[in-house]
């Protein structure tokens, strides 16, 4: 009986070692496969993120330029109206 127990114990250890080797190899393979798949995806996502940040900055700058042009246009409009009034007043005095 003791002899059978030793043999079974040895078999269990050998079986466990074999399973550990198989699972370890499978884990390494899966890690390598995930590296091959996820690394390019991660690099692409980082590139898209940088592009989006750049576009957001460009959009902000375009909004600032538009606001500046709107302010300048309002100033020019006011100046033109004032000049038009002065011309009307000047022409009405002469005529």
C-alpha atoms as a PDB file:
ATOM      1  CA  UNK A   1       0.000   0.000   0.000  1.00  0.00           C
ATOM      2  CA  UNK A   2       2.806   2.371   0.872  1.00  0.00           C
ATOM      3  CA  UNK A   3       4.524   1.554  -2.393  1.00  0.00           C
ATOM      4  CA  UNK A   4       1.361   2.469  -4.377  1.00  0.00           C
ATOM      5  CA  UNK A   5       1.079   5.732  -2.451  1.00  0.00           C
ATOM      6  CA  UNK A   6       4.671   6.688  -3.317  1.00  0.00           C
ATOM      7  CA  UNK A   7       4.096   5.875  -6.978  1.00  0.00           C
ATOM      8  CA  UNK A   8       0.849   7.862  -7.089  1.00  0.00           C
ATOM      9  CA  UNK A   9       2.527  10.766  -5.306  1.00  0.00           C
ATOM     10  CA  UNK A  10       5.376  10.741  -7.800  1.00  0.00           C
ATOM     11  CA  UNK A  11       2.892  10.603 -10.672  1.00  0.00           C
ATOM     12  CA  UNK A  12       0.932  13.504  -9.232  1.00  0.00           C
ATOM     13  CA  UNK A  13       4.061  15.611  -8.940  1.00  0.00           C
ATOM     14  CA  UNK A  14       5.111  14.711 -12.481  1.00  0.00           C
ATOM     15  CA  UNK A  15       1.616  15.459 -13.785  1.00  0.00           C
ATOM     16  CA  UNK A  16       1.537  18.768 -11.946  1.00  0.00           C
ATOM     17  CA  UNK A  17       4.968  19.682 -13.302  1.00  0.00           C
ATOM     18  CA  UNK A  18       3.866  18.796 -16.827  1.00  0.00           C
ATOM     19  CA  UNK A  19       0.723  20.897 -16.500  1.00  0.00           C
ATOM     20  CA  UNK A  20       2.722  23.784 -15.096  1.00  0.00           C
ATOM     21  CA  UNK A  21       5.080  23.629 -18.069  1.00  0.00           C
ATOM     22  CA  UNK A  22       2.208  23.479 -20.555  1.00  0.00           C
ATOM     23  CA  UNK A  23       0.325  26.326 -18.909  1.00  0.00           C
ATOM     24  CA  UNK A  24       3.481  28.391 -18.544  1.00  0.00           C
ATOM     25  CA  UNK A  25       4.249  27.943 -22.223  1.00  0.00           C
ATOM     26  CA  UNK A  26       0.681  28.774 -23.162  1.00  0.00           C
ATOM     27  CA  UNK A  27       0.802  31.862 -20.962  1.00  0.00           C
ATOM     28  CA  UNK A  28       4.037  32.998 -22.570  1.00  0.00           C
ATOM     29  CA  UNK A  29       2.580  32.410 -26.031  1.00  0.00           C
ATOM     30  CA  UNK A  30      -0.568  34.366 -25.165  1.00  0.00           C
ATOM     31  CA  UNK A  31       1.491  37.222 -23.738  1.00  0.00           C
ATOM     32  CA  UNK A  32       3.585  37.345 -26.894  1.00  0.00           C
ATOM     33  CA  UNK A  33       0.476  37.224 -29.078  1.00  0.00           C
ATOM     34  CA  UNK A  34      -1.175  40.018 -27.093  1.00  0.00           C
ATOM     35  CA  UNK A  35       2.037  42.048 -27.413  1.00  0.00           C
ATOM     36  CA  UNK A  36       1.955  41.580 -31.176  1.00  0.00           C
ATOM     37  CA  UNK A  37      -1.698  42.593 -31.367  1.00  0.00           C
ATOM     38  CA  UNK A  38      -2.049  45.247 -28.683  1.00  0.00           C
ATOM     39  CA  UNK A  39       1.212  47.107 -29.182  1.00  0.00           C
ATOM     40  CA  UNK A  40       0.324  48.381 -32.683  1.00  0.00           C
ATOM     41  CA  UNK A  41      -3.196  49.211 -31.518  1.00  0.00           C
ATOM     42  CA  UNK A  42      -1.810  51.129 -28.547  1.00  0.00           C
ATOM     43  CA  UNK A  43       0.598  53.030 -30.791  1.00  0.00           C
ATOM     44  CA  UNK A  44      -2.268  53.899 -33.147  1.00  0.00           C
ATOM     45  CA  UNK A  45      -4.460  55.095 -30.301  1.00  0.00           C
ATOM     46  CA  UNK A  46      -1.641  57.290 -29.005  1.00  0.00           C
ATOM     47  CA  UNK A  47      -1.230  58.778 -32.480  1.00  0.00           C
ATOM     48  CA  UNK A  48      -4.941  59.488 -32.721  1.00  0.00           C
ATOM     49  CA  UNK A  49      -4.863  61.063 -29.257  1.00  0.00           C
ATOM     50  CA  UNK A  50      -2.022  63.399 -30.299  1.00  0.00           C
ATOM     51  CA  UNK A  51      -3.891  64.311 -33.488  1.00  0.00           C
ATOM     52  CA  UNK A  52      -7.063  65.079 -31.515  1.00  0.00           C
ATOM     53  CA  UNK A  53      -5.130  67.284 -29.086  1.00  0.00           C
ATOM     54  CA  UNK A  54      -3.617  69.137 -32.056  1.00  0.00           C
ATOM     55  CA  UNK A  55      -7.024  69.574 -33.677  1.00  0.00           C
ATOM     56  CA  UNK A  56      -8.506  70.854 -30.416  1.00  0.00           C
ATOM     57  CA  UNK A  57      -5.697  73.429 -30.152  1.00  0.00           C
ATOM     58  CA  UNK A  58      -6.194  74.471 -33.799  1.00  0.00           C
ATOM     59  CA  UNK A  59      -9.935  74.817 -33.225  1.00  0.00           C
ATOM     60  CA  UNK A  60      -9.350  76.957 -30.137  1.00  0.00           C
ATOM     61  CA  UNK A  61      -6.953  79.213 -32.052  1.00  0.00           C
ATOM     62  CA  UNK A  62      -9.410  79.501 -34.956  1.00  0.00           C
ATOM     63  CA  UNK A  63     -12.146  80.531 -32.509  1.00  0.00           C
ATOM     64  CA  UNK A  64      -9.877  83.169 -31.015  1.00  0.00           C
ATOM     65  CA  UNK A  65      -9.032  84.522 -34.496  1.00  0.00           C
ATOM     66  CA  UNK A  66     -12.726  84.590 -35.419  1.00  0.00           C
ATOM     67  CA  UNK A  67     -13.566  86.517 -32.250  1.00  0.00           C
ATOM     68  CA  UNK A  68     -10.761  88.970 -32.976  1.00  0.00           C
ATOM     69  CA  UNK A  69     -12.072  89.499 -36.521  1.00  0.00           C
ATOM     70  CA  UNK A  70     -15.617  90.023 -35.223  1.00  0.00           C
ATOM     71  CA  UNK A  71     -14.373  92.700 -32.815  1.00  0.00           C
ATOM     72  CA  UNK A  72     -12.373  94.377 -35.584  1.00  0.00           C
ATOM     73  CA  UNK A  73     -15.359  94.212 -37.955  1.00  0.00           C
ATOM     74  CA  UNK A  74     -17.567  95.881 -35.339  1.00  0.00           C
ATOM     75  CA  UNK A  75     -14.959  98.636 -34.910  1.00  0.00           C
ATOM     76  CA  UNK A  76     -14.736  99.185 -38.682  1.00  0.00           C
ATOM     77  CA  UNK A  77     -18.545  99.206 -38.967  1.00  0.00           C
ATOM     78  CA  UNK A  78     -18.774 101.828 -36.249  1.00  0.00           C
ATOM     79  CA  UNK A  79     -16.075 103.909 -37.907  1.00  0.00           C
ATOM     80  CA  UNK A  80     -17.790 103.691 -41.314  1.00  0.00           C
ATOM     81  CA  UNK A  81     -21.131 104.751 -39.834  1.00  0.00           C
ATOM     82  CA  UNK A  82     -19.486 107.699 -38.125  1.00  0.00           C
ATOM     83  CA  UNK A  83     -17.733 108.729 -41.347  1.00  0.00           C
ATOM     84  CA  UNK A  84     -20.996 108.375 -43.266  1.00  0.00           C
ATOM     85  CA  UNK A  85     -22.758 110.664 -40.779  1.00  0.00           C
ATOM     86  CA  UNK A  86     -20.000 113.222 -41.055  1.00  0.00           C
ATOM     87  CA  UNK A  87     -20.213 113.118 -44.864  1.00  0.00           C
ATOM     88  CA  UNK A  88     -24.000 113.494 -44.743  1.00  0.00           C
ATOM     89  CA  UNK A  89     -23.700 116.454 -42.354  1.00  0.00           C
ATOM     90  CA  UNK A  90     -21.014 118.050 -44.516  1.00  0.00           C
ATOM     91  CA  UNK A  91     -22.996 117.587 -47.745  1.00  0.00           C
ATOM     92  CA  UNK A  92     -26.211 118.877 -46.129  1.00  0.00           C
ATOM     93  CA  UNK A  93     -24.440 122.042 -44.954  1.00  0.00           C
ATOM     94  CA  UNK A  94     -23.126 122.760 -48.445  1.00  0.00           C
ATOM     95  CA  UNK A  95     -26.219 121.865 -50.322  1.00  0.00           C
END
